[in-house]
Amino acid sequence: HDIELLPREFRLLEYMMRHHDQVLTRAMLLEEVWNYRFVPQTNLVDVHMGRLRHKIDRPHELPMIHNVRGVGFVLRAPA
């Protein structure tokens, strides 16, 4: 099925796909996807990740985007 992504969601998913199975910190994502050179106190990554999860991870299927508590996120393809 087709998934419509906003440009930032696409960049976020693309970066995660290039680094699949690697835990990505919020700071890494802010630097690489948003081009921030400092890490502000923000929930920007969490908000976008929530939107992306809603579009990518389907109900009743194994999720691909996982939260690593206190660290960040990881993209894993279902086995």
N, C-alpha and C. Protein backbone atom coordinates (compact mmCIF):
# COMPACT_ATOMS: atom_id res chain seq x y z
N HIS A 1 0.83 -1.19 0.00
CA HIS A 1 0.00 0.00 0.00
C HIS A 1 0.88 1.24 0.00
N ASP A 2 0.35 2.31 -0.54
CA ASP A 2 1.09 3.56 -0.59
C ASP A 2 1.04 4.27 0.76
N ILE A 3 2.14 4.90 1.10
CA ILE A 3 2.22 5.68 2.33
C ILE A 3 2.65 7.09 1.95
N GLU A 4 1.85 8.06 2.34
CA GLU A 4 2.19 9.46 2.06
C GLU A 4 2.97 10.03 3.24
N LEU A 5 4.18 10.48 2.95
CA LEU A 5 5.04 11.05 3.98
C LEU A 5 5.31 12.51 3.68
N LEU A 6 5.34 13.32 4.73
CA LEU A 6 5.79 14.69 4.58
C LEU A 6 7.30 14.67 4.37
N PRO A 7 7.88 15.73 3.80
CA PRO A 7 9.32 15.73 3.51
C PRO A 7 10.20 15.37 4.71
N ARG A 8 9.89 15.91 5.89
CA ARG A 8 10.71 15.62 7.07
C ARG A 8 10.54 14.16 7.50
N GLU A 9 9.33 13.64 7.39
CA GLU A 9 9.09 12.24 7.71
C GLU A 9 9.88 11.33 6.77
N PHE A 10 9.93 11.71 5.50
CA PHE A 10 10.69 10.95 4.53
C PHE A 10 12.18 10.95 4.89
N ARG A 11 12.70 12.13 5.21
CA ARG A 11 14.12 12.23 5.57
C ARG A 11 14.42 11.41 6.82
N LEU A 12 13.51 11.43 7.78
CA LEU A 12 13.67 10.67 9.01
C LEU A 12 13.68 9.17 8.71
N LEU A 13 12.73 8.71 7.92
CA LEU A 13 12.67 7.29 7.57
C LEU A 13 13.88 6.88 6.74
N GLU A 14 14.28 7.72 5.80
CA GLU A 14 15.44 7.43 4.97
C GLU A 14 16.70 7.28 5.83
N TYR A 15 16.89 8.19 6.78
CA TYR A 15 18.07 8.11 7.65
C TYR A 15 18.02 6.84 8.49
N MET A 16 16.84 6.52 9.01
CA MET A 16 16.71 5.30 9.81
C MET A 16 16.96 4.04 8.97
N MET A 17 16.51 4.06 7.72
CA MET A 17 16.74 2.90 6.84
C MET A 17 18.23 2.73 6.54
N ARG A 18 18.93 3.84 6.37
CA ARG A 18 20.37 3.76 6.10
C ARG A 18 21.14 3.26 7.32
N HIS A 19 20.54 3.37 8.49
CA HIS A 19 21.18 2.96 9.74
C HIS A 19 20.32 1.95 10.49
N HIS A 20 19.66 1.06 9.71
CA HIS A 20 18.76 0.09 10.34
C HIS A 20 19.54 -0.79 11.31
N ASP A 21 18.85 -1.23 12.32
CA ASP A 21 19.40 -2.06 13.40
C ASP A 21 20.44 -1.33 14.24
N GLN A 22 20.58 -0.03 14.05
CA GLN A 22 21.48 0.79 14.86
C GLN A 22 20.63 1.72 15.72
N VAL A 23 20.92 1.77 17.02
CA VAL A 23 20.18 2.68 17.89
C VAL A 23 20.60 4.11 17.58
N LEU A 24 19.61 4.94 17.29
CA LEU A 24 19.86 6.33 16.94
C LEU A 24 19.35 7.22 18.06
N THR A 25 20.22 8.04 18.59
CA THR A 25 19.82 8.93 19.67
C THR A 25 19.04 10.11 19.11
N ARG A 26 18.31 10.77 19.97
CA ARG A 26 17.58 11.97 19.55
C ARG A 26 18.56 13.03 19.04
N ALA A 27 19.71 13.14 19.69
CA ALA A 27 20.72 14.11 19.25
C ALA A 27 21.21 13.80 17.84
N MET A 28 21.46 12.53 17.57
CA MET A 28 21.90 12.13 16.21
C MET A 28 20.84 12.50 15.19
N LEU A 29 19.58 12.19 15.51
CA LEU A 29 18.50 12.48 14.58
C LEU A 29 18.33 13.99 14.37
N LEU A 30 18.42 14.76 15.44
CA LEU A 30 18.32 16.22 15.30
C LEU A 30 19.45 16.77 14.43
N GLU A 31 20.64 16.25 14.60
CA GLU A 31 21.78 16.72 13.80
C GLU A 31 21.66 16.31 12.34
N GLU A 32 21.30 15.05 12.10
CA GLU A 32 21.31 14.53 10.72
C GLU A 32 20.05 14.86 9.93
N VAL A 33 18.90 14.84 10.57
CA VAL A 33 17.65 15.05 9.86
C VAL A 33 17.22 16.52 9.87
N TRP A 34 17.47 17.21 10.99
CA TRP A 34 17.08 18.61 11.11
C TRP A 34 18.27 19.56 10.91
N ASN A 35 19.47 19.03 10.82
CA ASN A 35 20.69 19.83 10.65
C ASN A 35 20.95 20.77 11.82
N TYR A 36 20.53 20.37 13.01
CA TYR A 36 20.83 21.15 14.21
C TYR A 36 22.26 20.87 14.63
N ARG A 37 22.99 21.89 14.97
CA ARG A 37 24.37 21.71 15.41
C ARG A 37 24.46 21.79 16.94
N PHE A 38 23.34 21.99 17.56
CA PHE A 38 23.25 21.93 19.01
C PHE A 38 21.95 21.19 19.30
N VAL A 39 21.82 20.67 20.47
CA VAL A 39 20.65 19.87 20.79
C VAL A 39 19.78 20.62 21.79
N PRO A 40 18.72 21.25 21.31
CA PRO A 40 17.83 21.96 22.23
C PRO A 40 16.97 20.97 23.02
N GLN A 41 16.44 21.43 24.12
CA GLN A 41 15.47 20.61 24.85
C GLN A 41 14.17 20.69 24.08
N THR A 42 13.85 19.63 23.37
CA THR A 42 12.68 19.64 22.52
C THR A 42 12.12 18.24 22.37
N ASN A 43 10.84 18.16 22.10
CA ASN A 43 10.22 16.86 21.81
C ASN A 43 9.98 16.70 20.31
N LEU A 44 10.68 17.49 19.52
CA LEU A 44 10.54 17.49 18.07
C LEU A 44 10.70 16.09 17.48
N VAL A 45 11.74 15.37 17.89
CA VAL A 45 11.99 14.03 17.37
C VAL A 45 10.83 13.11 17.75
N ASP A 46 10.40 13.18 19.00
CA ASP A 46 9.33 12.30 19.47
C ASP A 46 8.02 12.54 18.72
N VAL A 47 7.70 13.80 18.45
CA VAL A 47 6.48 14.13 17.73
C VAL A 47 6.53 13.55 16.31
N HIS A 48 7.64 13.79 15.61
CA HIS A 48 7.77 13.27 14.25
C HIS A 48 7.83 11.74 14.24
N MET A 49 8.50 11.17 15.22
CA MET A 49 8.58 9.71 15.28
C MET A 49 7.19 9.12 15.50
N GLY A 50 6.38 9.77 16.32
CA GLY A 50 5.01 9.31 16.54
C GLY A 50 4.20 9.33 15.26
N ARG A 51 4.33 10.40 14.50
CA ARG A 51 3.61 10.50 13.22
C ARG A 51 4.09 9.44 12.24
N LEU A 52 5.41 9.25 12.19
CA LEU A 52 5.98 8.26 11.28
C LEU A 52 5.54 6.85 11.67
N ARG A 53 5.57 6.55 12.96
CA ARG A 53 5.10 5.24 13.43
C ARG A 53 3.66 4.99 13.03
N HIS A 54 2.84 6.01 13.17
CA HIS A 54 1.42 5.89 12.84
C HIS A 54 1.24 5.52 11.36
N LYS A 55 2.12 6.02 10.51
CA LYS A 55 2.03 5.75 9.07
C LYS A 55 2.71 4.44 8.68
N ILE A 56 3.81 4.09 9.34
CA ILE A 56 4.61 2.93 8.96
C ILE A 56 4.16 1.65 9.65
N ASP A 57 4.00 1.72 10.96
CA ASP A 57 3.65 0.52 11.73
C ASP A 57 2.15 0.32 11.70
N ARG A 58 1.74 -0.80 11.13
CA ARG A 58 0.32 -1.12 10.99
C ARG A 58 -0.19 -1.89 12.19
N PRO A 59 -1.48 -1.69 12.55
CA PRO A 59 -2.07 -2.46 13.65
C PRO A 59 -2.00 -3.95 13.35
N HIS A 60 -1.82 -4.74 14.36
CA HIS A 60 -1.81 -6.21 14.26
C HIS A 60 -0.61 -6.75 13.49
N GLU A 61 0.41 -5.92 13.26
CA GLU A 61 1.66 -6.37 12.65
C GLU A 61 2.80 -6.03 13.61
N LEU A 62 3.91 -6.74 13.47
CA LEU A 62 5.07 -6.42 14.30
C LEU A 62 5.58 -5.03 13.93
N PRO A 63 5.84 -4.18 14.92
CA PRO A 63 6.31 -2.83 14.61
C PRO A 63 7.74 -2.85 14.07
N MET A 64 8.04 -1.85 13.24
CA MET A 64 9.40 -1.71 12.71
C MET A 64 10.19 -0.67 13.48
N ILE A 65 9.50 0.35 13.99
CA ILE A 65 10.17 1.42 14.73
C ILE A 65 10.04 1.11 16.22
N HIS A 66 11.18 1.02 16.89
CA HIS A 66 11.21 0.67 18.30
C HIS A 66 11.84 1.79 19.10
N ASN A 67 11.28 2.05 20.27
CA ASN A 67 11.84 3.01 21.21
C ASN A 67 12.84 2.27 22.09
N VAL A 68 14.04 2.81 22.22
CA VAL A 68 15.03 2.27 23.15
C VAL A 68 15.03 3.23 24.32
N ARG A 69 14.38 2.82 25.38
CA ARG A 69 14.10 3.71 26.52
C ARG A 69 15.37 4.41 27.02
N GLY A 70 15.28 5.74 27.09
CA GLY A 70 16.38 6.54 27.60
C GLY A 70 17.51 6.76 26.61
N VAL A 71 17.40 6.17 25.41
CA VAL A 71 18.49 6.29 24.44
C VAL A 71 18.01 6.91 23.13
N GLY A 72 17.02 6.29 22.49
CA GLY A 72 16.56 6.79 21.21
C GLY A 72 15.64 5.80 20.51
N PHE A 73 15.90 5.58 19.23
CA PHE A 73 15.04 4.75 18.41
C PHE A 73 15.86 3.84 17.52
N VAL A 74 15.23 2.76 17.07
CA VAL A 74 15.88 1.85 16.14
C VAL A 74 14.84 1.33 15.17
N LEU A 75 15.25 1.15 13.91
CA LEU A 75 14.39 0.60 12.87
C LEU A 75 14.82 -0.84 12.64
N ARG A 76 13.88 -1.75 12.82
CA ARG A 76 14.17 -3.17 12.59
C ARG A 76 13.08 -3.74 11.68
N ALA A 77 13.50 -4.40 10.63
CA ALA A 77 12.54 -5.05 9.75
C ALA A 77 11.99 -6.29 10.45
N PRO A 78 10.69 -6.52 10.33
CA PRO A 78 10.13 -7.73 10.94
C PRO A 78 10.76 -8.98 10.35
N ALA A 79 10.98 -9.97 11.19
CA ALA A 79 11.63 -11.21 10.73
C ALA A 79 10.64 -12.07 9.97
